[in-house]
């Protein structure tokens, strides 16, 4: 269906909301519009809720505003509609509740102790039923890729919000975090389309394979949803770090990495000089004027033209100058330079160790920089997790990714602190996937391997 012609309305009276909900079917879709993502902060507000699902009177969705942006005062005005919110909350325990990326919306309900029972998160359902290729499972992707809309529903809102932000001299790059400044009519239509497309997505996935969808929904409610909520609570609580220790550690690691880079360059100084001369000649040829050519020479004198982080430069040194052998090529046809290959090349020259050590230090610096960047003013990290970012079904971490912590680096681990009265416990699952497969498949061979504690591989 063309989203431009969908049927929706803004509901402002309790009697109208009550009639719509009383005459709705067993499924209800909801999506909160908020002032941010940190729902535990005092200035956080739910400015409205979009509702969809089995609605009556040929309605596709509705929007119930609780706050509206006042252009004169540049603040949010409370519309005094708590009774509408309470009426909506009653539906969350009597209907099959559906949401897209439900972890956020349901965390708000949990935080305020509002009873609810989620039936399915359509983002996780989509990933669970169709994860053969890497893709984004966000609602905007679903609108275009799966539902066939010409464009996602945020284009009009983006234009409108950016225009308002420009008038207020606010950076428009942050428009997604400032959607609440939008006019209620435009924001309401955007939110209603979100609820509507979530409902369409659910019906599309369910009707495509109802048996598989039903089985997955059972699996979701028994295992995935409790797991998702645990990950969300981790984000809410956060992890305490010693920011000053991290800053000091970064400085030390940076010093060590520079030392290793210099040692590596010194070991191959003659060959690296040859590469730099070749790079300088290439650079000079790109300039047509004498002034440009002189500037190129000046640049070469001020800084090295050999970049230790460049796979191209390293490839020239290792395979053209040193004439070492390589095993594989990149998609562009160049020799593949990675730590696995460098480890193999150590048998030809021990100075490769200096490059490996430099690479290891660089990776550690990147980890530390992440932790410093994302620690808030109270030195709390709020690690994000995503259940639908991988084809394998494993969790992905980001901003920062704590799933790939360098556990062997005791100095980095020391910067993570347990709060007073708490302790850190490290746990690890052994062969989690095949054990899970054995449990759910009931395969006698797999079960025999597990029960006898044999090596499943």
Protein backbone atom coordinates (compact mmCIF):
# COMPACT_ATOMS: atom_id res chain seq x y z
CA UNK A 1 0.00 0.00 0.00
CA UNK A 2 1.20 3.52 -0.81
CA UNK A 3 2.09 5.11 2.56
CA UNK A 4 1.01 8.51 1.22
CA UNK A 5 -2.61 7.32 1.22
CA UNK A 6 -2.72 5.53 4.52
CA UNK A 7 -5.45 6.37 7.02
CA UNK A 8 -4.38 7.88 10.34
CA UNK A 9 -5.40 10.51 12.87
CA UNK A 10 -4.18 12.38 15.91
CA UNK A 11 -6.20 11.36 18.96
CA UNK A 12 -6.59 13.95 21.71
CA UNK A 13 -9.74 12.84 23.58
CA UNK A 14 -10.09 9.94 25.98
CA UNK A 15 -13.47 8.93 24.54
CA UNK A 16 -12.05 8.62 21.02
CA UNK A 17 -9.03 6.62 22.19
CA UNK A 18 -11.26 4.40 24.31
CA UNK A 19 -13.53 3.65 21.35
CA UNK A 20 -10.61 2.82 19.05
CA UNK A 21 -8.96 0.50 21.57
CA UNK A 22 -12.24 -1.14 22.59
CA UNK A 23 -12.99 -2.01 18.97
CA UNK A 24 -9.45 -3.14 18.05
CA UNK A 25 -8.46 -6.73 17.39
CA UNK A 26 -6.07 -8.93 19.35
CA UNK A 27 -2.83 -7.34 18.05
CA UNK A 28 -1.58 -3.91 19.02
CA UNK A 29 1.55 -2.18 17.71
CA UNK A 30 3.15 0.72 19.55
CA UNK A 31 6.10 3.04 19.14
CA UNK A 32 7.14 5.81 21.54
CA UNK A 33 8.47 9.16 20.35
CA UNK A 34 10.93 10.52 22.91
CA UNK A 35 13.43 13.27 23.59
CA UNK A 36 16.38 10.87 23.68
CA UNK A 37 17.49 7.35 24.55
CA UNK A 38 18.56 7.74 28.19
CA UNK A 39 15.15 7.14 29.73
CA UNK A 40 16.55 7.20 33.27
CA UNK A 41 17.58 10.85 33.06
CA UNK A 42 15.35 13.47 34.67
CA UNK A 43 14.81 15.53 31.51
CA UNK A 44 13.74 12.52 29.41
CA UNK A 45 10.19 12.71 28.07
CA UNK A 46 7.86 10.48 26.08
CA UNK A 47 6.33 13.09 23.79
CA UNK A 48 3.81 10.76 22.19
CA UNK A 49 2.89 7.23 21.22
CA UNK A 50 1.92 5.82 17.83
CA UNK A 51 -0.51 2.89 17.87
CA UNK A 52 -1.28 0.44 15.07
CA UNK A 53 -2.41 -3.14 14.55
CA UNK A 54 -5.98 -4.44 14.21
CA UNK A 55 -7.57 -0.98 14.39
CA UNK A 56 -11.25 -0.28 13.56
CA UNK A 57 -12.88 2.13 11.09
CA UNK A 58 -10.27 1.42 8.41
CA UNK A 59 -7.65 3.18 10.49
CA UNK A 60 -4.06 2.17 9.80
CA UNK A 61 -2.57 3.97 12.80
CA UNK A 62 -3.10 6.77 15.31
CA UNK A 63 -0.84 9.14 17.19
CA UNK A 64 -1.45 10.30 20.75
CA UNK A 65 0.66 13.39 21.64
CA UNK A 66 1.60 14.07 25.26
CA UNK A 67 3.91 17.04 24.66
CA UNK A 68 4.24 19.59 21.88
CA UNK A 69 7.15 21.87 21.05
CA UNK A 70 6.60 25.57 21.74
CA UNK A 71 8.47 27.63 19.15
CA UNK A 72 8.26 30.80 21.25
CA UNK A 73 9.78 29.37 24.45
CA UNK A 74 11.81 26.61 22.70
CA UNK A 75 10.49 24.15 25.29
CA UNK A 76 8.07 21.24 25.37
CA UNK A 77 4.57 22.04 26.61
CA UNK A 78 2.80 19.33 28.61
CA UNK A 79 -0.62 18.72 27.01
CA UNK A 80 -2.00 17.18 30.22
CA UNK A 81 -3.10 13.89 28.71
CA UNK A 82 -2.02 11.40 31.35
CA UNK A 83 -5.42 9.73 31.29
CA UNK A 84 -4.87 8.84 27.62
CA UNK A 85 -1.51 7.30 28.49
CA UNK A 86 -3.06 5.23 31.29
CA UNK A 87 -5.83 4.08 28.94
CA UNK A 88 -3.21 2.93 26.41
CA UNK A 89 -1.21 1.11 29.10
CA UNK A 90 -4.19 -1.11 29.87
CA UNK A 91 -3.93 -2.62 26.39
CA UNK A 92 -0.36 -3.76 27.00
CA UNK A 93 -1.44 -6.66 29.21
CA UNK A 94 -4.58 -7.74 27.33
CA UNK A 95 -3.38 -7.70 23.70
CA UNK A 96 -0.61 -9.30 21.66
CA UNK A 97 1.88 -6.44 21.78
CA UNK A 98 4.17 -5.89 18.79
CA UNK A 99 7.03 -3.41 18.41
CA UNK A 100 10.10 -2.92 16.23
CA UNK A 101 13.35 -2.77 18.19
CA UNK A 102 11.18 -3.33 21.24
CA UNK A 103 14.06 -3.35 23.72
CA UNK A 104 14.06 0.45 23.88
CA UNK A 105 10.30 1.01 24.12
CA UNK A 106 9.79 -1.80 26.62
CA UNK A 107 12.70 -0.57 28.75
CA UNK A 108 10.80 2.68 29.21
CA UNK A 109 7.79 0.69 30.41
CA UNK A 110 9.99 -1.37 32.75
CA UNK A 111 11.66 1.73 34.14
CA UNK A 112 8.30 3.19 35.13
CA UNK A 113 6.95 -0.18 36.32
CA UNK A 114 4.21 -0.31 33.70
CA UNK A 115 2.97 -3.91 33.24
CA UNK A 116 3.19 -5.25 29.70
CA UNK A 117 3.62 -8.49 27.79
CA UNK A 118 5.47 -8.38 24.49
CA UNK A 119 4.33 -10.79 21.80
CA UNK A 120 7.13 -10.21 19.28
CA UNK A 121 9.84 -7.76 18.25
CA UNK A 122 9.54 -7.53 14.44
CA UNK A 123 13.21 -6.60 14.08
CA UNK A 124 14.28 -9.87 15.72
CA UNK A 125 11.55 -11.80 13.89
CA UNK A 126 12.78 -10.50 10.53
CA UNK A 127 16.37 -11.43 11.37
CA UNK A 128 15.35 -14.83 12.71
CA UNK A 129 13.35 -15.76 9.60
CA UNK A 130 15.62 -14.21 6.98
CA UNK A 131 19.26 -13.76 7.99
CA UNK A 132 20.98 -15.39 5.02
CA UNK A 133 22.69 -12.15 4.01
CA UNK A 134 24.08 -9.22 5.92
CA UNK A 135 21.62 -6.33 5.92
CA UNK A 136 20.23 -3.65 8.18
CA UNK A 137 17.08 -4.76 9.98
CA UNK A 138 15.88 -1.29 10.95
CA UNK A 139 12.35 -0.17 10.19
CA UNK A 140 13.45 2.24 7.46
CA UNK A 141 15.16 -0.65 5.64
CA UNK A 142 12.00 -2.74 5.97
CA UNK A 143 9.84 0.03 4.51
CA UNK A 144 11.90 0.22 1.31
CA UNK A 145 13.43 -3.27 0.93
CA UNK A 146 10.57 -5.45 2.12
CA UNK A 147 7.38 -3.39 1.91
CA UNK A 148 8.26 -1.76 -1.40
CA UNK A 149 7.83 1.87 -0.38
CA UNK A 150 9.50 4.37 -2.69
CA UNK A 151 11.32 5.92 0.26
CA UNK A 152 11.33 5.60 4.04
CA UNK A 153 8.94 7.75 6.05
CA UNK A 154 11.53 10.02 7.65
CA UNK A 155 12.27 12.26 4.65
CA UNK A 156 9.55 14.88 5.28
CA UNK A 157 10.29 14.94 9.00
CA UNK A 158 14.03 15.28 8.37
CA UNK A 159 13.50 18.28 6.09
CA UNK A 160 11.07 19.92 8.52
CA UNK A 161 13.20 19.39 11.63
CA UNK A 162 16.38 20.58 9.92
CA UNK A 163 14.64 23.77 8.82
CA UNK A 164 13.60 24.46 12.40
CA UNK A 165 17.04 23.65 13.79
CA UNK A 166 18.64 26.04 11.31
CA UNK A 167 16.35 28.80 12.60
CA UNK A 168 17.51 28.01 16.15
CA UNK A 169 21.21 27.87 15.09
CA UNK A 170 21.47 24.20 16.13
CA UNK A 171 23.68 21.74 14.23
CA UNK A 172 21.39 19.88 11.80
CA UNK A 173 23.63 16.79 11.90
CA UNK A 174 21.96 15.91 15.20
CA UNK A 175 18.43 16.13 13.78
CA UNK A 176 17.49 12.55 14.69
CA UNK A 177 18.06 13.34 18.35
CA UNK A 178 15.98 16.52 18.03
CA UNK A 179 12.87 15.22 16.30
CA UNK A 180 10.76 16.47 19.18
CA UNK A 181 11.10 20.04 17.86
CA UNK A 182 8.89 19.02 14.94
CA UNK A 183 5.32 20.13 14.44
CA UNK A 184 2.89 17.65 16.01
CA UNK A 185 1.13 17.02 12.70
CA UNK A 186 4.36 16.14 10.85
CA UNK A 187 5.87 14.21 13.76
CA UNK A 188 2.57 12.41 14.33
CA UNK A 189 2.37 11.25 10.72
CA UNK A 190 5.96 10.00 10.90
CA UNK A 191 5.26 8.07 14.11
CA UNK A 192 1.98 6.67 12.80
CA UNK A 193 3.77 5.43 9.68
CA UNK A 194 6.30 3.67 11.92
CA UNK A 195 3.50 1.84 13.73
CA UNK A 196 1.76 1.06 10.44
CA UNK A 197 4.91 -0.31 8.76
CA UNK A 198 5.67 -2.42 11.85
CA UNK A 199 2.24 -3.98 11.52
CA UNK A 200 2.71 -4.56 7.78
CA UNK A 201 6.13 -6.10 8.43
CA UNK A 202 4.68 -8.49 11.01
CA UNK A 203 1.88 -9.59 8.66
CA UNK A 204 4.31 -10.00 5.75
CA UNK A 205 6.67 -12.21 7.76
CA UNK A 206 3.89 -14.21 9.41
CA UNK A 207 1.92 -14.86 6.23
CA UNK A 208 5.08 -15.86 4.34
CA UNK A 209 5.62 -18.86 6.65
CA UNK A 210 3.15 -18.97 9.54
CA UNK A 211 4.41 -22.28 10.94
CA UNK A 212 8.03 -21.12 11.13
CA UNK A 213 6.99 -17.69 12.42
CA UNK A 214 4.87 -19.26 15.18
CA UNK A 215 7.75 -21.48 16.27
CA UNK A 216 10.16 -18.56 16.26
CA UNK A 217 7.77 -16.43 18.34
CA UNK A 218 7.72 -19.19 20.97
CA UNK A 219 11.52 -19.33 20.92
CA UNK A 220 11.66 -15.54 21.13
CA UNK A 221 9.47 -15.36 24.23
CA UNK A 222 11.22 -18.21 26.03
CA UNK A 223 14.83 -17.29 25.29
CA UNK A 224 15.58 -14.30 23.07
CA UNK A 225 13.41 -11.69 24.78
CA UNK A 226 14.72 -12.33 28.33
CA UNK A 227 18.23 -12.25 26.88
CA UNK A 228 17.53 -9.01 25.02
CA UNK A 229 16.18 -7.41 28.20
CA UNK A 230 19.31 -8.44 30.11
CA UNK A 231 21.48 -6.75 27.47
CA UNK A 232 19.36 -3.62 27.66
CA UNK A 233 19.65 -3.46 31.45
CA UNK A 234 23.43 -3.58 30.99
CA UNK A 235 23.18 -0.48 28.80
CA UNK A 236 20.99 1.27 31.37
CA UNK A 237 23.29 0.56 34.30
CA UNK A 238 26.58 0.97 32.47
CA UNK A 239 30.08 0.01 33.56
CA UNK A 240 32.39 2.17 35.65
CA UNK A 241 35.87 2.88 34.27
CA UNK A 242 38.88 4.78 35.56
CA UNK A 243 39.12 7.44 32.85
CA UNK A 244 42.34 8.97 34.14
CA UNK A 245 43.99 5.55 34.09
CA UNK A 246 42.81 5.02 30.52
CA UNK A 247 44.24 8.38 29.41
CA UNK A 248 47.58 7.54 31.04
CA UNK A 249 47.53 4.09 29.44
CA UNK A 250 46.88 5.60 26.01
CA UNK A 251 49.88 7.91 26.39
CA UNK A 252 52.14 4.99 27.38
CA UNK A 253 50.90 2.78 24.55
CA UNK A 254 51.34 5.60 22.03
CA UNK A 255 54.95 6.09 23.16
CA UNK A 256 55.64 2.36 22.85
CA UNK A 257 54.04 2.16 19.39
CA UNK A 258 56.16 5.06 18.13
CA UNK A 259 59.27 3.32 19.44
CA UNK A 260 58.37 0.08 17.65
CA UNK A 261 57.64 1.96 14.42
CA UNK A 262 61.05 3.63 14.58
CA UNK A 263 62.79 0.33 15.28
CA UNK A 264 61.05 -1.27 12.30
CA UNK A 265 61.92 1.63 9.98
CA UNK A 266 65.51 1.60 11.20
CA UNK A 267 65.84 -2.13 10.49
CA UNK A 268 64.81 -1.54 6.86
CA UNK A 269 65.98 2.07 6.50
CA UNK A 270 67.74 1.58 3.15
CA UNK A 271 64.79 -0.11 1.47
CA UNK A 272 62.28 2.31 3.01
CA UNK A 273 64.36 5.23 1.65
CA UNK A 274 64.03 3.71 -1.80
CA UNK A 275 60.25 3.52 -1.42
CA UNK A 276 60.13 7.12 -0.19
CA UNK A 277 62.11 8.31 -3.23
CA UNK A 278 59.70 6.44 -5.51
CA UNK A 279 56.71 7.98 -3.71
CA UNK A 280 58.28 11.45 -3.98
CA UNK A 281 58.78 11.07 -7.72
CA UNK A 282 55.14 10.01 -8.11
CA UNK A 283 54.05 12.98 -6.01
CA UNK A 284 56.15 15.44 -8.00
CA UNK A 285 54.65 14.19 -11.27
CA UNK A 286 51.15 15.06 -10.03
CA UNK A 287 52.09 18.75 -9.96
CA UNK A 288 52.45 20.73 -13.19
CA UNK A 289 53.98 23.92 -11.74
CA UNK A 290 57.43 24.37 -10.26
CA UNK A 291 55.88 25.78 -7.09
CA UNK A 292 53.81 22.63 -6.66
CA UNK A 293 56.81 20.40 -7.18
CA UNK A 294 58.79 22.37 -4.58
CA UNK A 295 55.93 22.01 -2.10
CA UNK A 296 55.97 18.23 -2.70
CA UNK A 297 59.69 18.11 -1.88
CA UNK A 298 59.08 20.24 1.23
CA UNK A 299 56.37 17.85 2.39
CA UNK A 300 58.70 14.90 1.90
CA UNK A 301 61.36 16.57 4.06
CA UNK A 302 58.89 17.40 6.83
CA UNK A 303 57.34 13.94 7.13
CA UNK A 304 58.06 10.41 5.98
CA UNK A 305 56.41 9.34 2.75
CA UNK A 306 56.50 5.74 3.98
CA UNK A 307 53.34 4.97 5.96
CA UNK A 308 53.74 1.99 8.27
CA UNK A 309 49.93 1.69 8.38
CA UNK A 310 49.67 1.46 4.58
CA UNK A 311 49.19 -2.07 3.25
CA UNK A 312 50.43 -0.80 -0.11
CA UNK A 313 53.70 0.51 1.34
CA UNK A 314 54.22 -2.61 3.45
CA UNK A 315 53.54 -4.76 0.39
CA UNK A 316 56.20 -2.88 -1.57
CA UNK A 317 58.73 -3.37 1.21
CA UNK A 318 57.99 -7.04 1.89
CA UNK A 319 57.29 -8.39 -1.57
CA UNK A 320 59.04 -6.06 -4.00
CA UNK A 321 62.13 -5.03 -2.03
CA UNK A 322 62.63 -8.04 0.25
CA UNK A 323 61.07 -10.41 -2.32
CA UNK A 324 59.27 -12.43 0.33
CA UNK A 325 56.48 -14.77 -0.73
CA UNK A 326 52.79 -14.14 -0.07
CA UNK A 327 49.88 -16.61 0.04
CA UNK A 328 46.83 -14.65 -1.02
CA UNK A 329 45.66 -11.47 -2.70
CA UNK A 330 43.04 -8.84 -1.94
CA UNK A 331 40.01 -8.27 -4.18
CA UNK A 332 42.03 -5.58 -5.99
CA UNK A 333 44.81 -8.06 -6.77
CA UNK A 334 47.37 -6.82 -4.25
CA UNK A 335 49.20 -9.14 -1.83
CA UNK A 336 47.25 -9.69 1.39
CA UNK A 337 49.18 -8.20 4.30
CA UNK A 338 47.86 -9.29 7.71
CA UNK A 339 49.22 -10.55 11.03
CA UNK A 340 48.83 -14.17 9.96
CA UNK A 341 51.13 -13.61 6.98
CA UNK A 342 53.56 -11.48 9.00
CA UNK A 343 53.88 -14.28 11.56
CA UNK A 344 54.79 -16.70 8.76
CA UNK A 345 57.34 -14.23 7.37
CA UNK A 346 59.22 -14.11 10.69
CA UNK A 347 61.19 -17.17 9.56
CA UNK A 348 62.86 -15.00 6.90
CA UNK A 349 63.58 -11.96 9.03
CA UNK A 350 63.12 -11.55 12.76
CA UNK A 351 62.63 -7.79 12.34
CA UNK A 352 59.03 -8.56 11.35
CA UNK A 353 58.47 -8.93 15.11
CA UNK A 354 58.76 -5.15 15.43
CA UNK A 355 55.90 -4.66 12.98
CA UNK A 356 53.76 -7.28 14.73
CA UNK A 357 54.38 -5.57 18.06
CA UNK A 358 53.51 -2.20 16.51
CA UNK A 359 50.24 -3.64 15.16
CA UNK A 360 49.37 -5.12 18.55
CA UNK A 361 50.01 -1.80 20.29
CA UNK A 362 47.92 0.04 17.68
CA UNK A 363 44.96 -2.28 18.32
CA UNK A 364 45.25 -1.75 22.07
CA UNK A 365 45.31 2.00 21.54
CA UNK A 366 42.11 1.75 19.49
CA UNK A 367 40.39 -0.14 22.30
CA UNK A 368 41.48 2.42 24.89
CA UNK A 369 40.43 5.33 22.67
CA UNK A 370 36.95 3.79 22.38
CA UNK A 371 36.59 3.56 26.14
CA UNK A 372 37.75 7.14 26.66
CA UNK A 373 35.47 8.47 23.91
CA UNK A 374 32.31 6.77 25.14
CA UNK A 375 32.77 7.19 28.89
CA UNK A 376 30.39 9.91 30.09
CA UNK A 377 31.08 12.71 32.56
CA UNK A 378 30.70 10.21 35.41
CA UNK A 379 33.18 7.77 33.82
CA UNK A 380 30.37 5.37 32.96
CA UNK A 381 30.43 3.34 29.74
CA UNK A 382 27.05 2.49 28.24
CA UNK A 383 27.89 -0.48 25.96
CA UNK A 384 25.44 -1.16 23.13
CA UNK A 385 24.52 -4.62 21.92
CA UNK A 386 22.72 -5.72 18.76
CA UNK A 387 21.02 -9.08 18.32
CA UNK A 388 20.47 -8.65 14.58
CA UNK A 389 23.83 -7.40 13.31
CA UNK A 390 25.36 -10.75 12.38
CA UNK A 391 24.37 -13.57 10.05
CA UNK A 392 25.45 -16.16 12.64
CA UNK A 393 23.05 -14.85 15.27
CA UNK A 394 25.81 -13.87 17.68
CA UNK A 395 25.58 -10.54 19.46
CA UNK A 396 27.41 -7.54 18.04
CA UNK A 397 28.73 -4.82 20.31
CA UNK A 398 29.32 -1.17 19.48
CA UNK A 399 29.94 2.27 21.00
CA UNK A 400 32.02 0.69 22.52
CA UNK A 401 32.35 -2.96 21.59
CA UNK A 402 33.05 -4.74 24.88
CA UNK A 403 32.64 -8.16 23.27
CA UNK A 404 36.16 -7.95 21.86
CA UNK A 405 38.03 -6.70 24.88
CA UNK A 406 41.73 -7.61 24.94
CA UNK A 407 41.34 -9.88 27.96
CA UNK A 408 45.06 -10.67 28.03
CA UNK A 409 45.92 -7.00 28.65
CA UNK A 410 45.84 -6.66 32.42
CA UNK A 411 46.44 -2.90 32.25
CA UNK A 412 43.27 -2.35 30.23
CA UNK A 413 41.26 -4.65 32.50
CA UNK A 414 42.44 -2.68 35.54
CA UNK A 415 40.68 0.40 34.19
CA UNK A 416 37.30 -1.32 34.59
CA UNK A 417 36.06 -0.94 38.16
CA UNK A 418 33.35 -2.71 40.09
CA UNK A 419 31.08 -0.31 41.96
CA UNK A 420 31.21 -0.31 45.75
CA UNK A 421 29.64 -3.47 47.09
CA UNK A 422 30.01 -5.35 43.79
CA UNK A 423 32.58 -7.65 42.20
CA UNK A 424 33.45 -8.61 38.66
CA UNK A 425 32.84 -12.23 37.67
CA UNK A 426 34.22 -13.60 34.40
CA UNK A 427 32.27 -16.43 32.77
CA UNK A 428 32.69 -18.07 29.40
CA UNK A 429 30.55 -20.65 27.59
CA UNK A 430 32.36 -23.59 26.02
CA UNK A 431 31.03 -24.81 22.65
CA UNK A 432 27.79 -22.88 23.20
CA UNK A 433 26.42 -23.28 19.66
CA UNK A 434 26.82 -27.08 19.23
CA UNK A 435 25.54 -27.67 22.78
CA UNK A 436 22.47 -25.57 22.00
CA UNK A 437 22.01 -27.42 18.71
CA UNK A 438 22.16 -30.75 20.52
CA UNK A 439 19.57 -29.61 23.08
CA UNK A 440 16.99 -28.34 20.61
CA UNK A 441 17.49 -30.89 17.83
CA UNK A 442 17.53 -33.88 20.24
CA UNK A 443 19.92 -35.48 17.75
CA UNK A 444 21.05 -38.77 19.41
CA UNK A 445 24.63 -38.57 18.09
CA UNK A 446 25.12 -34.99 19.28
CA UNK A 447 23.51 -35.77 22.64
CA UNK A 448 25.80 -38.77 23.07
CA UNK A 449 28.86 -36.59 22.42
CA UNK A 450 27.68 -33.97 24.91
CA UNK A 451 26.66 -36.44 27.63
CA UNK A 452 30.02 -38.23 27.40
CA UNK A 453 31.91 -34.91 27.49
CA UNK A 454 33.66 -35.73 24.22
CA UNK A 455 35.18 -33.11 21.94
CA UNK A 456 32.22 -32.23 19.70
CA UNK A 457 34.51 -31.06 16.92
